[in-house]
Amino acid sequence: MTIHYPKGIKPLPEAKKVKKSKLRLGHSAANRGMGFEADINESNAYYLEHDLCLVTKRPTPINVVKVDYTHGAKITQAYFETQSTTDYNGVYQGHYLDFEAKSTQSKTSFPLHNIPQQQIDHLKRVLQHGGIAFFIINCYALGETYILPAKDVIEFYTAKPRSSIPMKDIITKGYKVTEGYNPRYDYLSVVKAHFLK
C-alpha cells in the first residue's frame, strides 16, 4: 500500500538501528590492573590522611614528540616510555618502601612476563640498600590479595625456564592482605608485622 503525503513530501527512510556494544571495563587485564591500582591509591590516601605513612604512585614517564605553540604550549603527540622502576615508593616509620602492584586473572599462577627486567634490577638495588621491597599481587579470580617479598619474586624470575609463579607458592611465601572499606587493602599492617621485626 502506498501512502501519498500532502505537497508530495516523501517519508524519510526508516533509520537503521545501530547495534550497541556493551562496555566491558572489568574484563581486560589493563582495566583490571587499573582498578586495583586505584584501590591501592585510595589506601595510600587513607594512610596519608591518618598520618600513618607517605606512599606515592610514580607517574609513567612520557616522551613528547610534537607540541603546538599556536595557542600556548599544547602537546599534540606523545607516547609512554617504558617505566624503569616500580609503581609505588614512600616512607613508613623511617623505612623506605618500594613496591609494585600487579593483578592476575589466573587461579593457578602469576605470569612472570608481567614483570620487566628493569623492575627486577631496581628492586635488587632497593634491597641492597636496606629498603623494603615487595609485590602486592591481586589474585582476581580467587578474590584474594598477597604481599610477596621482592627477594622471592627475584628468585622465581631468575630461575630458568620458569614462566610463572605458582599460586601455591604465592600463598605459602606471601602474606595475605586484608581487604576492607578503609583502607581498601591494608598492606601496611602486613609490612609492620612481617618486614619490621
N, C-alpha and C. Protein backbone atom coordinates (compact mmCIF):
# COMPACT_ATOMS: atom_id res chain seq x y z
N MET A 1 0.84 -1.17 0.00
CA MET A 1 0.00 0.00 0.00
C MET A 1 0.89 1.24 0.00
N THR A 2 0.60 2.17 -0.84
CA THR A 2 1.35 3.40 -0.97
C THR A 2 0.59 4.52 -0.31
N ILE A 3 1.29 5.32 0.49
CA ILE A 3 0.67 6.47 1.15
C ILE A 3 1.17 7.72 0.45
N HIS A 4 0.24 8.62 0.07
CA HIS A 4 0.58 9.88 -0.58
C HIS A 4 0.43 11.00 0.42
N TYR A 5 1.54 11.69 0.73
CA TYR A 5 1.54 12.79 1.69
C TYR A 5 1.24 14.09 0.97
N PRO A 6 0.65 15.09 1.72
CA PRO A 6 0.36 16.38 1.09
C PRO A 6 1.63 17.04 0.58
N LYS A 7 1.54 17.83 -0.44
CA LYS A 7 2.62 18.58 -1.07
C LYS A 7 3.70 17.66 -1.64
N GLY A 8 3.41 16.40 -1.81
CA GLY A 8 4.33 15.47 -2.45
C GLY A 8 5.55 15.10 -1.63
N ILE A 9 5.53 15.37 -0.31
CA ILE A 9 6.67 15.05 0.56
C ILE A 9 6.75 13.55 0.75
N LYS A 10 7.94 13.03 0.54
CA LYS A 10 8.16 11.60 0.72
C LYS A 10 8.59 11.34 2.16
N PRO A 11 8.13 10.25 2.77
CA PRO A 11 8.56 9.93 4.14
C PRO A 11 10.05 9.60 4.18
N LEU A 12 10.64 9.93 5.30
CA LEU A 12 12.06 9.61 5.50
C LEU A 12 12.22 8.10 5.63
N PRO A 13 13.31 7.57 5.08
CA PRO A 13 13.51 6.12 5.24
C PRO A 13 13.74 5.79 6.71
N GLU A 14 13.30 4.61 7.07
CA GLU A 14 13.45 4.18 8.46
C GLU A 14 14.93 4.07 8.81
N ALA A 15 15.31 4.70 9.90
CA ALA A 15 16.72 4.70 10.32
C ALA A 15 17.15 3.29 10.70
N LYS A 16 18.36 2.97 10.28
CA LYS A 16 18.90 1.66 10.65
C LYS A 16 19.27 1.68 12.12
N LYS A 17 18.94 0.61 12.78
CA LYS A 17 19.28 0.53 14.20
C LYS A 17 20.75 0.19 14.35
N VAL A 18 21.41 0.98 15.17
CA VAL A 18 22.83 0.75 15.43
C VAL A 18 22.95 -0.21 16.60
N LYS A 19 23.71 -1.23 16.38
CA LYS A 19 23.92 -2.22 17.44
C LYS A 19 24.83 -1.63 18.49
N LYS A 20 24.34 -1.58 19.72
CA LYS A 20 25.14 -1.02 20.81
C LYS A 20 26.06 -2.09 21.36
N SER A 21 27.32 -1.70 21.54
CA SER A 21 28.26 -2.64 22.14
C SER A 21 28.27 -2.41 23.64
N LYS A 22 28.39 -3.49 24.36
CA LYS A 22 28.43 -3.39 25.81
C LYS A 22 29.81 -2.97 26.26
N LEU A 23 29.86 -2.08 27.21
CA LEU A 23 31.12 -1.61 27.76
C LEU A 23 31.59 -2.62 28.80
N ARG A 24 32.74 -3.23 28.56
CA ARG A 24 33.25 -4.25 29.47
C ARG A 24 34.57 -3.80 30.07
N LEU A 25 34.51 -2.91 31.02
CA LEU A 25 35.73 -2.40 31.62
C LEU A 25 36.42 -3.42 32.51
N GLY A 26 35.67 -4.24 33.16
CA GLY A 26 36.26 -5.13 34.14
C GLY A 26 36.94 -6.36 33.59
N HIS A 27 36.89 -6.59 32.27
CA HIS A 27 37.37 -7.86 31.75
C HIS A 27 38.78 -7.84 31.18
N SER A 28 39.28 -6.69 30.76
CA SER A 28 40.63 -6.69 30.20
C SER A 28 41.66 -6.61 31.32
N ALA A 29 42.83 -7.14 31.05
CA ALA A 29 43.89 -7.14 32.06
C ALA A 29 44.29 -5.72 32.43
N ALA A 30 44.35 -4.84 31.45
CA ALA A 30 44.75 -3.46 31.72
C ALA A 30 43.75 -2.76 32.62
N ASN A 31 42.45 -2.92 32.32
CA ASN A 31 41.44 -2.27 33.15
C ASN A 31 41.36 -2.88 34.54
N ARG A 32 41.54 -4.19 34.62
CA ARG A 32 41.53 -4.84 35.93
C ARG A 32 42.69 -4.32 36.77
N GLY A 33 43.87 -4.18 36.15
CA GLY A 33 45.04 -3.66 36.84
C GLY A 33 44.85 -2.22 37.27
N MET A 34 44.22 -1.42 36.41
CA MET A 34 43.99 -0.02 36.75
C MET A 34 43.02 0.10 37.92
N GLY A 35 42.02 -0.77 37.98
CA GLY A 35 41.09 -0.76 39.11
C GLY A 35 41.79 -1.12 40.40
N PHE A 36 42.69 -2.09 40.34
CA PHE A 36 43.45 -2.50 41.52
C PHE A 36 44.36 -1.36 41.96
N GLU A 37 45.03 -0.71 41.02
CA GLU A 37 45.90 0.42 41.36
C GLU A 37 45.09 1.56 41.96
N ALA A 38 43.88 1.78 41.46
CA ALA A 38 43.02 2.83 42.03
C ALA A 38 42.70 2.51 43.50
N ASP A 39 42.47 1.24 43.80
CA ASP A 39 42.22 0.83 45.19
C ASP A 39 43.46 1.03 46.06
N ILE A 40 44.64 0.73 45.52
CA ILE A 40 45.89 0.96 46.26
C ILE A 40 46.07 2.46 46.50
N ASN A 41 45.75 3.27 45.49
CA ASN A 41 45.84 4.73 45.64
C ASN A 41 44.91 5.22 46.74
N GLU A 42 43.71 4.66 46.82
CA GLU A 42 42.77 5.02 47.89
C GLU A 42 43.32 4.61 49.25
N SER A 43 43.93 3.45 49.33
CA SER A 43 44.55 3.01 50.58
C SER A 43 45.65 3.97 50.99
N ASN A 44 46.47 4.39 50.01
CA ASN A 44 47.55 5.34 50.30
C ASN A 44 47.00 6.68 50.77
N ALA A 45 45.90 7.13 50.18
CA ALA A 45 45.27 8.38 50.61
C ALA A 45 44.77 8.26 52.05
N TYR A 46 44.20 7.11 52.38
CA TYR A 46 43.75 6.86 53.76
C TYR A 46 44.93 6.90 54.72
N TYR A 47 46.02 6.22 54.37
CA TYR A 47 47.21 6.21 55.23
C TYR A 47 47.76 7.62 55.42
N LEU A 48 47.79 8.41 54.36
CA LEU A 48 48.29 9.78 54.45
C LEU A 48 47.38 10.65 55.31
N GLU A 49 46.07 10.52 55.10
CA GLU A 49 45.09 11.30 55.86
C GLU A 49 45.18 11.01 57.36
N HIS A 50 45.49 9.78 57.70
CA HIS A 50 45.62 9.39 59.11
C HIS A 50 47.07 9.43 59.60
N ASP A 51 47.95 10.02 58.79
CA ASP A 51 49.35 10.24 59.13
C ASP A 51 50.07 8.95 59.53
N LEU A 52 49.78 7.87 58.79
CA LEU A 52 50.42 6.59 59.07
C LEU A 52 51.68 6.38 58.24
N CYS A 53 51.67 6.83 56.99
CA CYS A 53 52.84 6.72 56.13
C CYS A 53 52.67 7.66 54.94
N LEU A 54 53.75 7.80 54.18
CA LEU A 54 53.71 8.59 52.96
C LEU A 54 54.16 7.69 51.81
N VAL A 55 53.21 7.26 50.99
CA VAL A 55 53.49 6.43 49.83
C VAL A 55 52.81 7.08 48.63
N THR A 56 53.57 7.26 47.55
CA THR A 56 53.01 7.88 46.35
C THR A 56 53.21 6.98 45.14
N LYS A 57 52.37 7.20 44.15
CA LYS A 57 52.49 6.48 42.88
C LYS A 57 53.38 7.28 41.95
N ARG A 58 54.36 6.60 41.40
CA ARG A 58 55.24 7.27 40.44
C ARG A 58 54.51 7.43 39.11
N PRO A 59 54.61 8.60 38.50
CA PRO A 59 53.98 8.75 37.18
C PRO A 59 54.79 8.01 36.11
N THR A 60 54.09 7.49 35.12
CA THR A 60 54.78 6.85 34.00
C THR A 60 55.35 7.94 33.11
N PRO A 61 56.65 7.90 32.84
CA PRO A 61 57.25 8.97 32.03
C PRO A 61 56.74 8.94 30.59
N ILE A 62 56.56 10.15 30.02
CA ILE A 62 56.14 10.24 28.62
C ILE A 62 57.22 10.93 27.81
N ASN A 63 57.25 10.62 26.53
CA ASN A 63 58.17 11.25 25.61
C ASN A 63 57.34 12.12 24.67
N VAL A 64 57.52 13.43 24.75
CA VAL A 64 56.77 14.37 23.92
C VAL A 64 57.39 14.40 22.53
N VAL A 65 56.57 14.20 21.51
CA VAL A 65 57.04 14.17 20.13
C VAL A 65 56.70 15.47 19.41
N LYS A 66 55.49 15.99 19.64
CA LYS A 66 55.04 17.17 18.91
C LYS A 66 54.29 18.11 19.84
N VAL A 67 54.59 19.41 19.72
CA VAL A 67 53.93 20.43 20.54
C VAL A 67 53.40 21.52 19.60
N ASP A 68 52.16 21.94 19.83
CA ASP A 68 51.55 23.03 19.06
C ASP A 68 51.66 24.30 19.90
N TYR A 69 52.40 25.29 19.38
CA TYR A 69 52.62 26.54 20.11
C TYR A 69 51.71 27.67 19.63
N THR A 70 50.75 27.40 18.75
CA THR A 70 49.92 28.49 18.21
C THR A 70 49.04 29.13 19.27
N HIS A 71 48.52 28.37 20.19
CA HIS A 71 47.68 28.91 21.27
C HIS A 71 48.24 28.46 22.62
N GLY A 72 49.50 28.73 22.84
CA GLY A 72 50.16 28.25 24.05
C GLY A 72 50.74 26.88 23.78
N ALA A 73 51.44 26.34 24.72
CA ALA A 73 52.08 25.04 24.53
C ALA A 73 51.06 23.93 24.76
N LYS A 74 50.70 23.23 23.67
CA LYS A 74 49.75 22.13 23.75
C LYS A 74 50.41 20.90 23.15
N ILE A 75 50.53 19.84 23.95
CA ILE A 75 51.13 18.59 23.47
C ILE A 75 50.13 17.93 22.53
N THR A 76 50.54 17.70 21.30
CA THR A 76 49.66 17.07 20.31
C THR A 76 50.03 15.63 20.01
N GLN A 77 51.26 15.24 20.33
CA GLN A 77 51.67 13.86 20.12
C GLN A 77 52.71 13.47 21.16
N ALA A 78 52.46 12.35 21.82
CA ALA A 78 53.38 11.85 22.84
C ALA A 78 53.15 10.35 23.00
N TYR A 79 54.11 9.67 23.58
CA TYR A 79 53.92 8.25 23.87
C TYR A 79 54.56 7.93 25.21
N PHE A 80 54.04 6.87 25.83
CA PHE A 80 54.56 6.44 27.12
C PHE A 80 55.89 5.75 26.93
N GLU A 81 56.84 6.09 27.78
CA GLU A 81 58.11 5.38 27.80
C GLU A 81 57.96 4.16 28.69
N THR A 82 58.88 3.24 28.58
CA THR A 82 58.86 2.07 29.45
C THR A 82 59.22 2.52 30.86
N GLN A 83 58.39 2.13 31.81
CA GLN A 83 58.66 2.50 33.19
C GLN A 83 59.87 1.71 33.68
N SER A 84 60.84 2.42 34.23
CA SER A 84 62.10 1.77 34.62
C SER A 84 62.11 1.31 36.07
N THR A 85 61.19 1.78 36.86
CA THR A 85 61.17 1.39 38.27
C THR A 85 59.80 0.80 38.61
N THR A 86 59.41 0.90 39.86
CA THR A 86 58.15 0.31 40.31
C THR A 86 57.04 1.36 40.38
N ASP A 87 55.83 0.90 40.69
CA ASP A 87 54.68 1.80 40.75
C ASP A 87 54.70 2.74 41.95
N TYR A 88 55.12 2.24 43.10
CA TYR A 88 54.97 3.00 44.35
C TYR A 88 56.27 3.05 45.14
N ASN A 89 56.46 4.17 45.84
CA ASN A 89 57.55 4.27 46.81
C ASN A 89 57.15 5.25 47.89
N GLY A 90 57.82 5.13 49.04
CA GLY A 90 57.49 6.02 50.14
C GLY A 90 58.23 5.66 51.41
N VAL A 91 57.73 6.21 52.52
CA VAL A 91 58.38 6.03 53.82
C VAL A 91 57.33 5.62 54.85
N TYR A 92 57.69 4.63 55.67
CA TYR A 92 56.84 4.18 56.77
C TYR A 92 57.72 3.97 57.99
N GLN A 93 57.47 4.74 59.03
CA GLN A 93 58.22 4.68 60.29
C GLN A 93 59.73 4.69 60.06
N GLY A 94 60.18 5.56 59.17
CA GLY A 94 61.61 5.71 58.90
C GLY A 94 62.19 4.68 57.95
N HIS A 95 61.36 3.82 57.40
CA HIS A 95 61.82 2.77 56.48
C HIS A 95 61.35 3.08 55.06
N TYR A 96 62.27 2.92 54.11
CA TYR A 96 61.94 3.16 52.71
C TYR A 96 61.16 1.97 52.15
N LEU A 97 60.02 2.25 51.51
CA LEU A 97 59.19 1.23 50.87
C LEU A 97 59.24 1.41 49.36
N ASP A 98 59.30 0.32 48.65
CA ASP A 98 59.27 0.35 47.19
C ASP A 98 58.53 -0.90 46.74
N PHE A 99 57.43 -0.72 46.01
CA PHE A 99 56.67 -1.91 45.62
C PHE A 99 55.92 -1.72 44.31
N GLU A 100 55.52 -2.85 43.78
CA GLU A 100 54.79 -2.92 42.52
C GLU A 100 53.44 -3.57 42.79
N ALA A 101 52.39 -3.05 42.20
CA ALA A 101 51.05 -3.63 42.34
C ALA A 101 50.70 -4.35 41.04
N LYS A 102 50.38 -5.62 41.14
CA LYS A 102 50.04 -6.43 39.96
C LYS A 102 48.74 -7.18 40.22
N SER A 103 48.06 -7.50 39.13
CA SER A 103 46.80 -8.24 39.21
C SER A 103 46.83 -9.38 38.21
N THR A 104 46.24 -10.52 38.59
CA THR A 104 46.17 -11.66 37.68
C THR A 104 44.79 -12.28 37.72
N GLN A 105 44.35 -12.77 36.58
CA GLN A 105 43.06 -13.45 36.46
C GLN A 105 43.21 -14.95 36.73
N SER A 106 44.43 -15.45 36.61
CA SER A 106 44.68 -16.89 36.73
C SER A 106 44.45 -17.39 38.16
N LYS A 107 43.90 -18.60 38.25
CA LYS A 107 43.71 -19.24 39.55
C LYS A 107 44.91 -20.09 39.95
N THR A 108 45.81 -20.33 39.00
CA THR A 108 46.89 -21.28 39.26
C THR A 108 48.28 -20.65 39.35
N SER A 109 48.48 -19.47 38.73
CA SER A 109 49.83 -18.90 38.73
C SER A 109 49.80 -17.41 38.39
N PHE A 110 50.95 -16.77 38.62
CA PHE A 110 51.15 -15.37 38.24
C PHE A 110 52.21 -15.35 37.15
N PRO A 111 51.88 -14.88 35.93
CA PRO A 111 52.85 -14.89 34.83
C PRO A 111 53.98 -13.89 35.04
N LEU A 112 55.20 -14.36 34.89
CA LEU A 112 56.38 -13.50 35.09
C LEU A 112 56.62 -12.52 33.95
N HIS A 113 55.99 -12.75 32.80
CA HIS A 113 56.16 -11.80 31.69
C HIS A 113 55.52 -10.45 32.01
N ASN A 114 54.73 -10.38 33.08
CA ASN A 114 54.15 -9.10 33.53
C ASN A 114 55.18 -8.22 34.24
N ILE A 115 56.35 -8.77 34.52
CA ILE A 115 57.39 -8.02 35.24
C ILE A 115 58.58 -7.79 34.31
N PRO A 116 58.84 -6.54 33.93
CA PRO A 116 60.00 -6.28 33.07
C PRO A 116 61.31 -6.39 33.85
N GLN A 117 62.39 -6.69 33.14
CA GLN A 117 63.71 -6.87 33.74
C GLN A 117 64.14 -5.65 34.54
N GLN A 118 63.83 -4.44 34.06
CA GLN A 118 64.29 -3.23 34.76
C GLN A 118 63.65 -3.10 36.15
N GLN A 119 62.45 -3.64 36.34
CA GLN A 119 61.85 -3.62 37.68
C GLN A 119 62.60 -4.56 38.61
N ILE A 120 62.99 -5.71 38.11
CA ILE A 120 63.77 -6.66 38.91
C ILE A 120 65.09 -6.02 39.31
N ASP A 121 65.77 -5.38 38.36
CA ASP A 121 67.05 -4.72 38.64
C ASP A 121 66.88 -3.62 39.68
N HIS A 122 65.81 -2.84 39.56
CA HIS A 122 65.55 -1.76 40.51
C HIS A 122 65.31 -2.32 41.92
N LEU A 123 64.49 -3.37 42.01
CA LEU A 123 64.19 -3.94 43.33
C LEU A 123 65.42 -4.59 43.96
N LYS A 124 66.31 -5.15 43.16
CA LYS A 124 67.57 -5.68 43.70
C LYS A 124 68.37 -4.56 44.36
N ARG A 125 68.42 -3.40 43.70
CA ARG A 125 69.16 -2.25 44.26
C ARG A 125 68.50 -1.75 45.55
N VAL A 126 67.18 -1.72 45.58
CA VAL A 126 66.47 -1.30 46.79
C VAL A 126 66.84 -2.21 47.95
N LEU A 127 66.83 -3.52 47.71
CA LEU A 127 67.19 -4.48 48.77
C LEU A 127 68.65 -4.34 49.19
N GLN A 128 69.55 -4.09 48.23
CA GLN A 128 70.97 -3.91 48.55
C GLN A 128 71.19 -2.72 49.48
N HIS A 129 70.35 -1.71 49.36
CA HIS A 129 70.49 -0.50 50.18
C HIS A 129 69.61 -0.53 51.43
N GLY A 130 69.05 -1.68 51.75
CA GLY A 130 68.32 -1.83 53.00
C GLY A 130 66.86 -1.41 52.96
N GLY A 131 66.32 -1.18 51.78
CA GLY A 131 64.91 -0.80 51.66
C GLY A 131 64.00 -2.02 51.76
N ILE A 132 62.73 -1.76 51.93
CA ILE A 132 61.71 -2.82 51.96
C ILE A 132 61.07 -2.86 50.58
N ALA A 133 61.18 -4.00 49.91
CA ALA A 133 60.66 -4.13 48.55
C ALA A 133 59.77 -5.36 48.45
N PHE A 134 58.65 -5.19 47.74
CA PHE A 134 57.71 -6.30 47.62
C PHE A 134 56.76 -6.06 46.45
N PHE A 135 55.97 -7.09 46.16
CA PHE A 135 54.90 -7.02 45.18
C PHE A 135 53.59 -7.22 45.92
N ILE A 136 52.59 -6.44 45.57
CA ILE A 136 51.23 -6.71 46.03
C ILE A 136 50.54 -7.35 44.84
N ILE A 137 50.16 -8.61 44.98
CA ILE A 137 49.56 -9.36 43.88
C ILE A 137 48.10 -9.63 44.19
N ASN A 138 47.23 -9.08 43.33
CA ASN A 138 45.79 -9.28 43.46
C ASN A 138 45.41 -10.49 42.61
N CYS A 139 44.96 -11.55 43.28
CA CYS A 139 44.52 -12.76 42.59
C CYS A 139 43.02 -12.61 42.36
N TYR A 140 42.69 -11.97 41.25
CA TYR A 140 41.33 -11.55 40.94
C TYR A 140 40.34 -12.72 40.97
N ALA A 141 40.70 -13.83 40.36
CA ALA A 141 39.80 -14.98 40.27
C ALA A 141 39.56 -15.63 41.64
N LEU A 142 40.52 -15.52 42.54
CA LEU A 142 40.38 -16.11 43.88
C LEU A 142 39.78 -15.13 44.88
N GLY A 143 39.78 -13.85 44.52
CA GLY A 143 39.28 -12.83 45.45
C GLY A 143 40.21 -12.62 46.62
N GLU A 144 41.51 -12.82 46.41
CA GLU A 144 42.50 -12.67 47.47
C GLU A 144 43.67 -11.82 46.99
N THR A 145 44.34 -11.17 47.94
CA THR A 145 45.49 -10.34 47.63
C THR A 145 46.62 -10.70 48.58
N TYR A 146 47.84 -10.77 48.04
CA TYR A 146 49.01 -11.16 48.82
C TYR A 146 50.16 -10.19 48.61
N ILE A 147 50.97 -10.04 49.65
CA ILE A 147 52.26 -9.36 49.51
C ILE A 147 53.30 -10.46 49.38
N LEU A 148 54.08 -10.37 48.30
CA LEU A 148 55.16 -11.32 48.08
C LEU A 148 56.47 -10.54 48.13
N PRO A 149 57.37 -10.88 49.07
CA PRO A 149 58.64 -10.15 49.17
C PRO A 149 59.40 -10.17 47.84
N ALA A 150 60.07 -9.07 47.54
CA ALA A 150 60.80 -8.94 46.28
C ALA A 150 61.87 -10.01 46.13
N LYS A 151 62.51 -10.41 47.23
CA LYS A 151 63.56 -11.43 47.14
C LYS A 151 63.00 -12.74 46.58
N ASP A 152 61.77 -13.08 46.94
CA ASP A 152 61.14 -14.30 46.42
C ASP A 152 60.80 -14.16 44.94
N VAL A 153 60.29 -12.99 44.56
CA VAL A 153 59.96 -12.76 43.15
C VAL A 153 61.24 -12.81 42.31
N ILE A 154 62.31 -12.21 42.82
CA ILE A 154 63.60 -12.22 42.10
C ILE A 154 64.10 -13.65 41.92
N GLU A 155 63.96 -14.49 42.96
CA GLU A 155 64.37 -15.89 42.85
C GLU A 155 63.57 -16.62 41.76
N PHE A 156 62.25 -16.41 41.74
CA PHE A 156 61.43 -17.04 40.71
C PHE A 156 61.80 -16.52 39.33
N TYR A 157 62.06 -15.23 39.25
CA TYR A 157 62.36 -14.58 37.97
C TYR A 157 63.67 -15.09 37.37
N THR A 158 64.66 -15.32 38.24
CA THR A 158 65.97 -15.75 37.74
C THR A 158 66.07 -17.27 37.56
N ALA A 159 65.13 -18.04 38.12
CA ALA A 159 65.12 -19.50 37.95
C ALA A 159 64.59 -19.82 36.55
N LYS A 160 65.46 -20.34 35.70
CA LYS A 160 65.06 -20.66 34.33
C LYS A 160 64.68 -22.12 34.26
N PRO A 161 63.81 -22.58 33.45
CA PRO A 161 63.00 -21.87 32.47
C PRO A 161 61.61 -21.50 33.00
N ARG A 162 61.51 -21.05 34.22
CA ARG A 162 60.22 -20.73 34.82
C ARG A 162 59.55 -19.56 34.10
N SER A 163 58.24 -19.69 33.85
CA SER A 163 57.50 -18.62 33.19
C SER A 163 56.43 -18.01 34.09
N SER A 164 56.25 -18.60 35.27
CA SER A 164 55.24 -18.08 36.19
C SER A 164 55.55 -18.50 37.62
N ILE A 165 54.88 -17.84 38.55
CA ILE A 165 54.97 -18.21 39.97
C ILE A 165 53.70 -18.97 40.30
N PRO A 166 53.81 -20.23 40.72
CA PRO A 166 52.61 -20.99 41.07
C PRO A 166 51.85 -20.32 42.22
N MET A 167 50.53 -20.37 42.15
CA MET A 167 49.70 -19.73 43.17
C MET A 167 49.98 -20.31 44.55
N LYS A 168 50.28 -21.61 44.62
CA LYS A 168 50.56 -22.22 45.92
C LYS A 168 51.80 -21.59 46.56
N ASP A 169 52.78 -21.18 45.75
CA ASP A 169 53.97 -20.52 46.27
C ASP A 169 53.67 -19.09 46.71
N ILE A 170 52.78 -18.42 46.00
CA ILE A 170 52.37 -17.07 46.41
C ILE A 170 51.69 -17.14 47.77
N ILE A 171 50.85 -18.16 47.95
CA ILE A 171 50.12 -18.32 49.21
C ILE A 171 51.05 -18.71 50.35
N THR A 172 52.02 -19.61 50.10
CA THR A 172 52.90 -20.06 51.18
C THR A 172 54.02 -19.08 51.49
N LYS A 173 54.59 -18.42 50.48
CA LYS A 173 55.69 -17.48 50.71
C LYS A 173 55.20 -16.05 50.95
N GLY A 174 53.97 -15.79 50.54
CA GLY A 174 53.43 -14.44 50.68
C GLY A 174 52.63 -14.26 51.95
N TYR A 175 52.11 -13.05 52.11
CA TYR A 175 51.31 -12.70 53.29
C TYR A 175 49.99 -12.13 52.80
N LYS A 176 48.90 -12.68 53.30
CA LYS A 176 47.57 -12.25 52.86
C LYS A 176 47.29 -10.83 53.34
N VAL A 177 46.75 -10.03 52.43
CA VAL A 177 46.39 -8.64 52.73
C VAL A 177 44.90 -8.58 53.01
N THR A 178 44.54 -7.96 54.13
CA THR A 178 43.14 -7.83 54.49
C THR A 178 42.47 -6.79 53.60
N GLU A 179 41.30 -7.16 53.06
CA GLU A 179 40.52 -6.23 52.25
C GLU A 179 39.39 -5.69 53.11
N GLY A 180 39.10 -4.41 52.93
CA GLY A 180 38.03 -3.79 53.70
C GLY A 180 37.54 -2.52 53.04
N TYR A 181 36.85 -1.71 53.82
CA TYR A 181 36.31 -0.47 53.28
C TYR A 181 37.37 0.62 53.27
N ASN A 182 37.96 0.89 54.44
CA ASN A 182 39.01 1.90 54.55
C ASN A 182 40.06 1.42 55.53
N PRO A 183 41.27 1.19 55.12
CA PRO A 183 41.76 1.23 53.74
C PRO A 183 41.25 0.03 52.95
N ARG A 184 41.16 0.17 51.66
CA ARG A 184 40.65 -0.90 50.79
C ARG A 184 41.54 -2.14 50.90
N TYR A 185 42.85 -1.94 50.81
CA TYR A 185 43.82 -3.02 51.00
C TYR A 185 44.77 -2.58 52.11
N ASP A 186 44.69 -3.22 53.27
CA ASP A 186 45.51 -2.82 54.41
C ASP A 186 46.87 -3.51 54.36
N TYR A 187 47.68 -3.09 53.38
CA TYR A 187 49.00 -3.70 53.22
C TYR A 187 49.98 -3.23 54.29
N LEU A 188 49.71 -2.09 54.91
CA LEU A 188 50.63 -1.54 55.90
C LEU A 188 50.73 -2.43 57.14
N SER A 189 49.63 -3.05 57.54
CA SER A 189 49.69 -3.94 58.71
C SER A 189 50.55 -5.17 58.40
N VAL A 190 50.56 -5.62 57.14
CA VAL A 190 51.42 -6.74 56.74
C VAL A 190 52.89 -6.31 56.78
N VAL A 191 53.16 -5.10 56.27
CA VAL A 191 54.54 -4.58 56.30
C VAL A 191 55.03 -4.50 57.74
N LYS A 192 54.19 -3.98 58.62
CA LYS A 192 54.57 -3.83 60.03
C LYS A 192 54.82 -5.20 60.68
N ALA A 193 53.96 -6.18 60.41
CA ALA A 193 54.06 -7.49 61.04
C ALA A 193 55.21 -8.35 60.50
N HIS A 194 55.51 -8.24 59.21
CA HIS A 194 56.45 -9.18 58.60
C HIS A 194 57.76 -8.58 58.10
N PHE A 195 57.82 -7.27 57.94
CA PHE A 195 59.05 -6.66 57.43
C PHE A 195 59.78 -5.82 58.48
N LEU A 196 59.08 -5.42 59.54
CA LEU A 196 59.69 -4.58 60.59
C LEU A 196 59.79 -5.38 61.88
N LYS A 197 60.62 -6.38 61.90
CA LYS A 197 60.75 -7.22 63.10
C LYS A 197 61.93 -6.78 63.92
